[in-house]
Amino acid sequence: MNILLSGIVGSTAYGLAGPGSDVDRLGLFAVDTAALHGLHRPTESHVTTAPDRTLHEAAKWCRLALRGNPTVTELVWLPDDLYEVRTPLGDELIELRSSLFPPSASGTPTSATPPSSSSGCTTGVTVPPRQTPASGPQSTPGTSCACATRVSSCTPPAG
């Protein structure tokens, strides 16, 4: 397996690991080109529990990261000493992180935060319908947020 980037994530990375904590590893790998030209798609993820390791195929990692998945984007924001494997292609992903997932004012990545205008309000975000048991849909499909900080709390604009 051609691992491009791999590192220690989770509680160990955040300094929150206790005596009984395991060490979680996350990485991405490239599939052999020949494996992409068959009738069967290659395995997109390899997950093991002893050791605790998740490796995503590069295309799957990119799909998840570009959708703002905080678990996979964590991989490109690790301190240098937590990387176990870094290849030139892995380094390119790390270099691109600020373009793909710009940090917020607090310095933390905002991969799950929608783009915002200069006023700090979220603009132009399309929200899927959200259901609650008592009230039914809380937003209409295609509703654009007027001003919200999180898509999940978006309400239709007044008017």
Protein backbone atom coordinates (compact mmCIF):
# COMPACT_ATOMS: atom_id res chain seq x y z
CA MET A 1 0.00 0.00 0.00
CA ASN A 2 1.37 3.42 -1.00
CA ILE A 3 0.70 5.62 2.06
CA LEU A 4 0.96 9.32 1.18
CA LEU A 5 0.29 10.87 4.58
CA SER A 6 -0.34 9.39 8.00
CA GLY A 7 -0.33 10.73 11.52
CA ILE A 8 -1.49 10.41 15.10
CA VAL A 9 -4.90 12.00 15.68
CA GLY A 10 -7.58 12.06 18.36
CA SER A 11 -7.02 12.42 22.09
CA THR A 12 -3.27 11.83 21.82
CA ALA A 13 -2.92 14.67 19.31
CA TYR A 14 -4.85 17.04 21.58
CA GLY A 15 -2.99 16.09 24.75
CA LEU A 16 -6.13 14.58 26.26
CA ALA A 17 -5.07 10.94 26.33
CA GLY A 18 -5.36 9.18 29.67
CA PRO A 19 -3.68 6.03 30.94
CA GLY A 20 -6.24 3.78 29.20
CA SER A 21 -6.37 5.72 25.92
CA ASP A 22 -5.41 4.13 22.65
CA VAL A 23 -3.42 5.82 19.89
CA ASP A 24 -5.53 6.68 16.85
CA ARG A 25 -3.91 6.92 13.44
CA LEU A 26 -5.37 8.43 10.27
CA GLY A 27 -3.91 8.47 6.80
CA LEU A 28 -4.48 8.41 3.09
CA PHE A 29 -3.06 6.17 0.42
CA ALA A 30 -2.83 5.98 -3.35
CA VAL A 31 -4.21 2.99 -5.19
CA ASP A 32 -2.06 1.39 -7.86
CA THR A 33 -3.13 2.80 -11.25
CA ALA A 34 -3.75 -0.70 -12.61
CA ALA A 35 -6.35 -1.29 -9.87
CA LEU A 36 -8.39 1.64 -11.19
CA HIS A 37 -8.85 0.06 -14.62
CA GLY A 38 -10.76 -3.06 -13.68
CA LEU A 39 -14.39 -4.02 -13.27
CA HIS A 40 -14.20 -3.78 -9.49
CA ARG A 41 -13.49 -0.60 -7.60
CA PRO A 42 -10.57 -0.77 -5.20
CA THR A 43 -11.19 -0.71 -1.47
CA GLU A 44 -11.67 2.91 -0.41
CA SER A 45 -10.85 2.52 3.28
CA HIS A 46 -8.82 0.18 5.43
CA VAL A 47 -9.81 0.24 9.11
CA THR A 48 -8.14 -1.76 11.86
CA THR A 49 -8.70 -1.76 15.62
CA ALA A 50 -5.42 -3.22 16.81
CA PRO A 51 -3.74 -0.85 16.13
CA ASP A 52 -6.47 1.78 15.78
CA ARG A 53 -5.87 2.96 12.21
CA THR A 54 -8.00 4.33 9.38
CA LEU A 55 -6.55 4.78 5.91
CA HIS A 56 -8.64 6.33 3.15
CA GLU A 57 -7.89 6.07 -0.56
CA ALA A 58 -6.81 9.53 -1.81
CA ALA A 59 -9.95 10.20 -3.88
CA LYS A 60 -12.22 9.27 -0.96
CA TRP A 61 -10.16 11.43 1.42
CA CYS A 62 -10.52 14.37 -0.98
CA ARG A 63 -14.30 13.88 -1.30
CA LEU A 64 -14.68 13.80 2.49
CA ALA A 65 -12.34 16.74 3.05
CA LEU A 66 -13.99 18.94 0.43
CA ARG A 67 -17.34 18.26 2.10
CA GLY A 68 -15.87 19.62 5.32
CA ASN A 69 -15.50 16.35 7.22
CA PRO A 70 -13.62 17.43 10.36
CA THR A 71 -12.23 13.97 11.03
CA VAL A 72 -10.33 13.73 7.75
CA THR A 73 -9.31 17.40 7.59
CA GLU A 74 -7.60 16.96 10.96
CA LEU A 75 -4.87 15.07 9.10
CA VAL A 76 -3.55 18.17 7.31
CA TRP A 77 -3.55 20.34 10.46
CA LEU A 78 -1.37 18.15 12.70
CA PRO A 79 1.82 19.47 14.29
CA ASP A 80 4.88 18.19 12.38
CA ASP A 81 5.94 15.81 15.14
CA LEU A 82 2.67 13.83 14.91
CA TYR A 83 3.15 12.78 11.27
CA GLU A 84 4.41 9.23 10.91
CA VAL A 85 4.49 9.22 7.09
CA ARG A 86 4.98 12.30 4.91
CA THR A 87 5.63 11.97 1.21
CA PRO A 88 6.05 14.83 -1.28
CA LEU A 89 2.37 14.42 -2.27
CA GLY A 90 1.34 14.46 1.39
CA ASP A 91 3.36 17.64 1.86
CA GLU A 92 1.51 19.21 -1.09
CA LEU A 93 -1.82 18.53 0.65
CA ILE A 94 -0.50 20.10 3.83
CA GLU A 95 0.64 23.15 1.84
CA LEU A 96 -2.83 23.48 0.28
CA ARG A 97 -4.71 23.31 3.58
CA SER A 98 -5.03 27.07 4.06
CA SER A 99 -6.47 27.45 0.55
CA LEU A 100 -8.98 24.64 1.04
CA PHE A 101 -9.79 25.11 4.73
CA PRO A 102 -8.87 28.64 5.88
CA PRO A 103 -8.36 29.15 9.62
CA SER A 104 -10.90 31.19 11.56
CA ALA A 105 -10.00 34.27 13.57
CA SER A 106 -9.24 31.97 16.50
CA GLY A 107 -6.62 30.16 14.40
CA THR A 108 -8.51 26.88 14.16
CA PRO A 109 -9.48 25.29 10.85
CA THR A 110 -13.01 26.04 9.68
CA SER A 111 -13.53 23.13 7.33
CA ALA A 112 -17.11 22.62 8.55
CA THR A 113 -17.98 26.31 8.50
CA PRO A 114 -19.62 27.74 5.40
CA PRO A 115 -18.05 30.76 3.64
CA SER A 116 -18.90 34.10 5.19
CA SER A 117 -19.16 37.68 4.02
CA SER A 118 -17.06 40.54 5.35
CA SER A 119 -19.76 41.21 7.97
CA GLY A 120 -19.26 37.73 9.40
CA CYS A 121 -22.64 36.50 8.18
CA THR A 122 -22.97 33.31 6.22
CA THR A 123 -24.20 34.03 2.74
CA GLY A 124 -25.57 31.98 -0.10
CA VAL A 125 -25.68 28.67 1.75
CA THR A 126 -28.34 26.26 0.54
CA VAL A 127 -29.89 24.38 3.41
CA PRO A 128 -31.58 20.97 3.16
CA PRO A 129 -34.86 20.55 5.05
CA ARG A 130 -34.44 19.79 8.75
CA GLN A 131 -37.11 17.90 10.71
CA THR A 132 -37.98 18.00 14.36
CA PRO A 133 -40.64 15.71 15.82
CA ALA A 134 -42.94 18.54 16.94
CA SER A 135 -42.65 21.11 14.19
CA GLY A 136 -41.81 19.29 10.96
CA PRO A 137 -39.50 20.99 8.45
CA GLN A 138 -37.69 24.05 9.81
CA SER A 139 -36.34 25.28 6.51
CA THR A 140 -37.41 24.85 2.93
CA PRO A 141 -35.12 23.02 0.50
CA GLY A 142 -33.11 25.60 -1.39
CA THR A 143 -33.56 28.29 1.28
CA SER A 144 -30.60 30.63 1.39
CA CYS A 145 -29.36 31.83 4.76
CA ALA A 146 -29.39 35.55 5.36
CA CYS A 147 -27.10 35.50 8.37
CA ALA A 148 -26.03 32.53 10.46
CA THR A 149 -22.82 31.14 11.82
CA ARG A 150 -23.68 27.48 11.36
CA VAL A 151 -25.63 25.83 8.58
CA SER A 152 -27.46 23.66 11.11
CA SER A 153 -28.90 26.76 12.77
CA CYS A 154 -29.86 28.51 9.55
CA THR A 155 -33.32 29.99 9.29
CA PRO A 156 -35.01 31.34 6.17
CA PRO A 157 -34.53 35.07 5.58
CA ALA A 158 -37.37 37.33 6.72
CA GLY A 159 -39.61 38.64 4.05
